[in-house]
Amino acid sequence: QVQLVESGGGLVQAGGSLRLSCAASGRTNSNYAVGWLRQAPGKEREFVATIRWSDDFTYYVDSVKGRFTISRDNAKNTVYLQMNSLKPEDTAVYYCAASLMGLTIIPRQYTYWGQGTQVTVSS
């Protein structure tokens, strides 16, 4: 069982930055990976970024490459999503999710989910 708690969302103007945090607790394994996913109104939940705990390998959806950075603090068991150069189309509820089956970009393959945090980017 893994528990995830997100924080750091808010309202920002286009071009601005936000940093989301995901504090994790519970039992993990060697295949543990954490991802950030988002869901905009009327749209399906989509993958944003992921990090593999064992070697810090990261992967991003094309639309955020060069703008978003996923990272982790092992001592705090926390994963971050630094979001720069934000665009109105980044507006969504952002979820932190964990997989014990390895790295994945498919939302349904994440087993554990946080409650979500709203990110709103105004034009």
C-alpha atoms as a PDB file:
ATOM      1  CA  GLN A   1       0.000   0.000   0.000  1.00  0.00           C
ATOM      2  CA  VAL A   2       1.299   3.439  -0.983  1.00  0.00           C
ATOM      3  CA  GLN A   3      -0.189   6.746   0.126  1.00  0.00           C
ATOM      4  CA  LEU A   4       0.337   9.889  -1.929  1.00  0.00           C
ATOM      5  CA  VAL A   5      -0.398  13.505  -1.013  1.00  0.00           C
ATOM      6  CA  GLU A   6       0.003  16.288  -3.576  1.00  0.00           C
ATOM      7  CA  SER A   7       0.474  19.978  -2.922  1.00  0.00           C
ATOM      8  CA  GLY A   8       1.566  23.099  -4.756  1.00  0.00           C
ATOM      9  CA  GLY A   9      -1.173  23.793  -7.251  1.00  0.00           C
ATOM     10  CA  GLY A  10      -2.664  27.221  -7.816  1.00  0.00           C
ATOM     11  CA  LEU A  11      -3.389  30.020 -10.239  1.00  0.00           C
ATOM     12  CA  VAL A  12      -0.584  31.439 -12.369  1.00  0.00           C
ATOM     13  CA  GLN A  13      -0.326  33.621 -15.446  1.00  0.00           C
ATOM     14  CA  ALA A  14       0.876  32.218 -18.745  1.00  0.00           C
ATOM     15  CA  GLY A  15       4.649  32.071 -18.787  1.00  0.00           C
ATOM     16  CA  GLY A  16       4.828  31.586 -15.047  1.00  0.00           C
ATOM     17  CA  SER A  17       6.031  28.670 -12.954  1.00  0.00           C
ATOM     18  CA  LEU A  18       4.712  26.318 -10.295  1.00  0.00           C
ATOM     19  CA  ARG A  19       6.226  23.412  -8.412  1.00  0.00           C
ATOM     20  CA  LEU A  20       4.051  20.477  -7.425  1.00  0.00           C
ATOM     21  CA  SER A  21       5.043  18.117  -4.632  1.00  0.00           C
ATOM     22  CA  CYS A  22       3.998  14.531  -3.987  1.00  0.00           C
ATOM     23  CA  ALA A  23       4.786  13.103  -0.575  1.00  0.00           C
ATOM     24  CA  ALA A  24       4.766   9.313  -0.587  1.00  0.00           C
ATOM     25  CA  SER A  25       4.542   6.807   2.246  1.00  0.00           C
ATOM     26  CA  GLY A  26       4.070   3.076   2.494  1.00  0.00           C
ATOM     27  CA  ARG A  27       5.635  -0.028   1.052  1.00  0.00           C
ATOM     28  CA  THR A  28       7.384   0.027  -2.316  1.00  0.00           C
ATOM     29  CA  ASN A  29       9.503  -2.384  -4.335  1.00  0.00           C
ATOM     30  CA  SER A  30      12.382  -2.389  -6.830  1.00  0.00           C
ATOM     31  CA  ASN A  31      10.015  -1.605  -9.724  1.00  0.00           C
ATOM     32  CA  TYR A  32       8.599   1.488  -8.036  1.00  0.00           C
ATOM     33  CA  ALA A  33       7.887   4.436 -10.304  1.00  0.00           C
ATOM     34  CA  VAL A  34       5.991   7.658  -9.702  1.00  0.00           C
ATOM     35  CA  GLY A  35       4.183   9.625 -12.337  1.00  0.00           C
ATOM     36  CA  TRP A  36       2.353  12.885 -12.776  1.00  0.00           C
ATOM     37  CA  LEU A  37      -0.845  12.802 -14.781  1.00  0.00           C
ATOM     38  CA  ARG A  38      -3.443  15.463 -15.465  1.00  0.00           C
ATOM     39  CA  GLN A  39      -7.078  15.781 -16.374  1.00  0.00           C
ATOM     40  CA  ALA A  40      -8.587  18.857 -17.962  1.00  0.00           C
ATOM     41  CA  PRO A  41     -12.353  19.470 -17.921  1.00  0.00           C
ATOM     42  CA  GLY A  42     -14.110  17.275 -20.452  1.00  0.00           C
ATOM     43  CA  LYS A  43     -10.941  15.391 -21.332  1.00  0.00           C
ATOM     44  CA  GLU A  44      -9.476  12.044 -20.426  1.00  0.00           C
ATOM     45  CA  ARG A  45      -6.705  11.747 -17.881  1.00  0.00           C
ATOM     46  CA  GLU A  46      -3.329  11.952 -19.599  1.00  0.00           C
ATOM     47  CA  PHE A  47       0.241  11.109 -18.737  1.00  0.00           C
ATOM     48  CA  VAL A  48       2.651  14.007 -18.117  1.00  0.00           C
ATOM     49  CA  ALA A  49       5.910  12.693 -16.646  1.00  0.00           C
ATOM     50  CA  THR A  50       7.354   9.782 -14.715  1.00  0.00           C
ATOM     51  CA  ILE A  51      10.464   8.858 -12.757  1.00  0.00           C
ATOM     52  CA  ARG A  52      11.817   5.430 -11.905  1.00  0.00           C
ATOM     53  CA  TRP A  53      12.986   5.247  -8.312  1.00  0.00           C
ATOM     54  CA  SER A  54      15.819   2.772  -8.881  1.00  0.00           C
ATOM     55  CA  ASP A  55      17.863   4.868 -11.325  1.00  0.00           C
ATOM     56  CA  ASP A  56      16.121   8.263 -11.707  1.00  0.00           C
ATOM     57  CA  PHE A  57      15.216   7.514 -15.318  1.00  0.00           C
ATOM     58  CA  THR A  58      12.612  10.054 -16.456  1.00  0.00           C
ATOM     59  CA  TYR A  59      10.182  10.298 -19.339  1.00  0.00           C
ATOM     60  CA  TYR A  60       7.875  13.098 -20.491  1.00  0.00           C
ATOM     61  CA  VAL A  61       4.985  13.609 -22.831  1.00  0.00           C
ATOM     62  CA  ASP A  62       6.130  15.652 -25.833  1.00  0.00           C
ATOM     63  CA  SER A  63       3.958  18.656 -24.972  1.00  0.00           C
ATOM     64  CA  VAL A  64       5.885  19.363 -21.738  1.00  0.00           C
ATOM     65  CA  LYS A  65       9.431  18.459 -22.755  1.00  0.00           C
ATOM     66  CA  GLY A  66      11.801  21.327 -22.061  1.00  0.00           C
ATOM     67  CA  ARG A  67       9.262  23.038 -19.769  1.00  0.00           C
ATOM     68  CA  PHE A  68       8.550  20.513 -16.998  1.00  0.00           C
ATOM     69  CA  THR A  69      11.054  18.627 -14.856  1.00  0.00           C
ATOM     70  CA  ILE A  70      10.273  15.666 -12.625  1.00  0.00           C
ATOM     71  CA  SER A  71      12.663  14.937  -9.765  1.00  0.00           C
ATOM     72  CA  ARG A  72      12.751  13.223  -6.395  1.00  0.00           C
ATOM     73  CA  ASP A  73      14.159  13.706  -2.929  1.00  0.00           C
ATOM     74  CA  ASN A  74      14.927  10.263  -1.556  1.00  0.00           C
ATOM     75  CA  ALA A  75      15.368  11.481   2.018  1.00  0.00           C
ATOM     76  CA  LYS A  76      11.929  13.113   2.020  1.00  0.00           C
ATOM     77  CA  ASN A  77      10.295  10.410  -0.123  1.00  0.00           C
ATOM     78  CA  THR A  78       8.901  13.211  -2.234  1.00  0.00           C
ATOM     79  CA  VAL A  79       8.559  13.659  -5.981  1.00  0.00           C
ATOM     80  CA  TYR A  80       8.414  17.109  -7.543  1.00  0.00           C
ATOM     81  CA  LEU A  81       7.136  18.472 -10.821  1.00  0.00           C
ATOM     82  CA  GLN A  82       8.706  21.807 -11.692  1.00  0.00           C
ATOM     83  CA  MET A  83       6.556  23.479 -14.310  1.00  0.00           C
ATOM     84  CA  ASN A  84       7.988  26.451 -16.206  1.00  0.00           C
ATOM     85  CA  SER A  85       6.703  28.479 -19.150  1.00  0.00           C
ATOM     86  CA  LEU A  86       3.168  27.440 -18.299  1.00  0.00           C
ATOM     87  CA  LYS A  87       0.487  27.712 -20.956  1.00  0.00           C
ATOM     88  CA  PRO A  88      -3.313  27.966 -20.631  1.00  0.00           C
ATOM     89  CA  GLU A  89      -3.552  24.459 -22.108  1.00  0.00           C
ATOM     90  CA  ASP A  90      -1.668  23.149 -19.050  1.00  0.00           C
ATOM     91  CA  THR A  91      -4.738  23.946 -16.943  1.00  0.00           C
ATOM     92  CA  ALA A  92      -5.921  20.719 -15.304  1.00  0.00           C
ATOM     93  CA  VAL A  93      -6.137  18.761 -12.095  1.00  0.00           C
ATOM     94  CA  TYR A  94      -2.714  17.200 -11.620  1.00  0.00           C
ATOM     95  CA  TYR A  95      -2.437  13.804  -9.988  1.00  0.00           C
ATOM     96  CA  CYS A  96       0.535  12.012  -8.527  1.00  0.00           C
ATOM     97  CA  ALA A  97       0.379   8.256  -9.025  1.00  0.00           C
ATOM     98  CA  ALA A  98       2.551   5.266  -8.191  1.00  0.00           C
ATOM     99  CA  SER A  99       3.269   2.025  -9.987  1.00  0.00           C
ATOM    100  CA  LEU A 100       4.849  -1.047  -8.435  1.00  0.00           C
ATOM    101  CA  MET A 101       5.089  -2.697 -11.860  1.00  0.00           C
ATOM    102  CA  GLY A 102       7.697  -0.398 -13.365  1.00  0.00           C
ATOM    103  CA  LEU A 103       7.679   2.684 -15.539  1.00  0.00           C
ATOM    104  CA  THR A 104       4.461   3.331 -17.444  1.00  0.00           C
ATOM    105  CA  ILE A 105       2.743   6.110 -19.392  1.00  0.00           C
ATOM    106  CA  ILE A 106      -0.666   4.427 -19.285  1.00  0.00           C
ATOM    107  CA  PRO A 107      -2.931   5.915 -16.610  1.00  0.00           C
ATOM    108  CA  ARG A 108      -4.783   2.681 -15.831  1.00  0.00           C
ATOM    109  CA  GLN A 109      -1.506   0.939 -15.017  1.00  0.00           C
ATOM    110  CA  TYR A 110      -0.914   3.166 -12.008  1.00  0.00           C
ATOM    111  CA  THR A 111      -2.181   1.509  -8.847  1.00  0.00           C
ATOM    112  CA  TYR A 112      -2.061   4.274  -6.262  1.00  0.00           C
ATOM    113  CA  TRP A 113      -3.293   7.831  -6.692  1.00  0.00           C
ATOM    114  CA  GLY A 114      -3.224  11.070  -4.779  1.00  0.00           C
ATOM    115  CA  GLN A 115      -6.245  13.316  -4.393  1.00  0.00           C
ATOM    116  CA  GLY A 116      -5.174  15.761  -7.107  1.00  0.00           C
ATOM    117  CA  THR A 117      -4.255  19.432  -7.107  1.00  0.00           C
ATOM    118  CA  GLN A 118      -5.696  22.112  -9.387  1.00  0.00           C
ATOM    119  CA  VAL A 119      -3.401  24.055 -11.692  1.00  0.00           C
ATOM    120  CA  THR A 120      -4.956  27.003 -13.524  1.00  0.00           C
ATOM    121  CA  VAL A 121      -3.002  29.028 -16.073  1.00  0.00           C
ATOM    122  CA  SER A 122      -4.586  32.299 -17.155  1.00  0.00           C
ATOM    123  CA  SER A 123      -3.870  33.922 -20.512  1.00  0.00           C
END
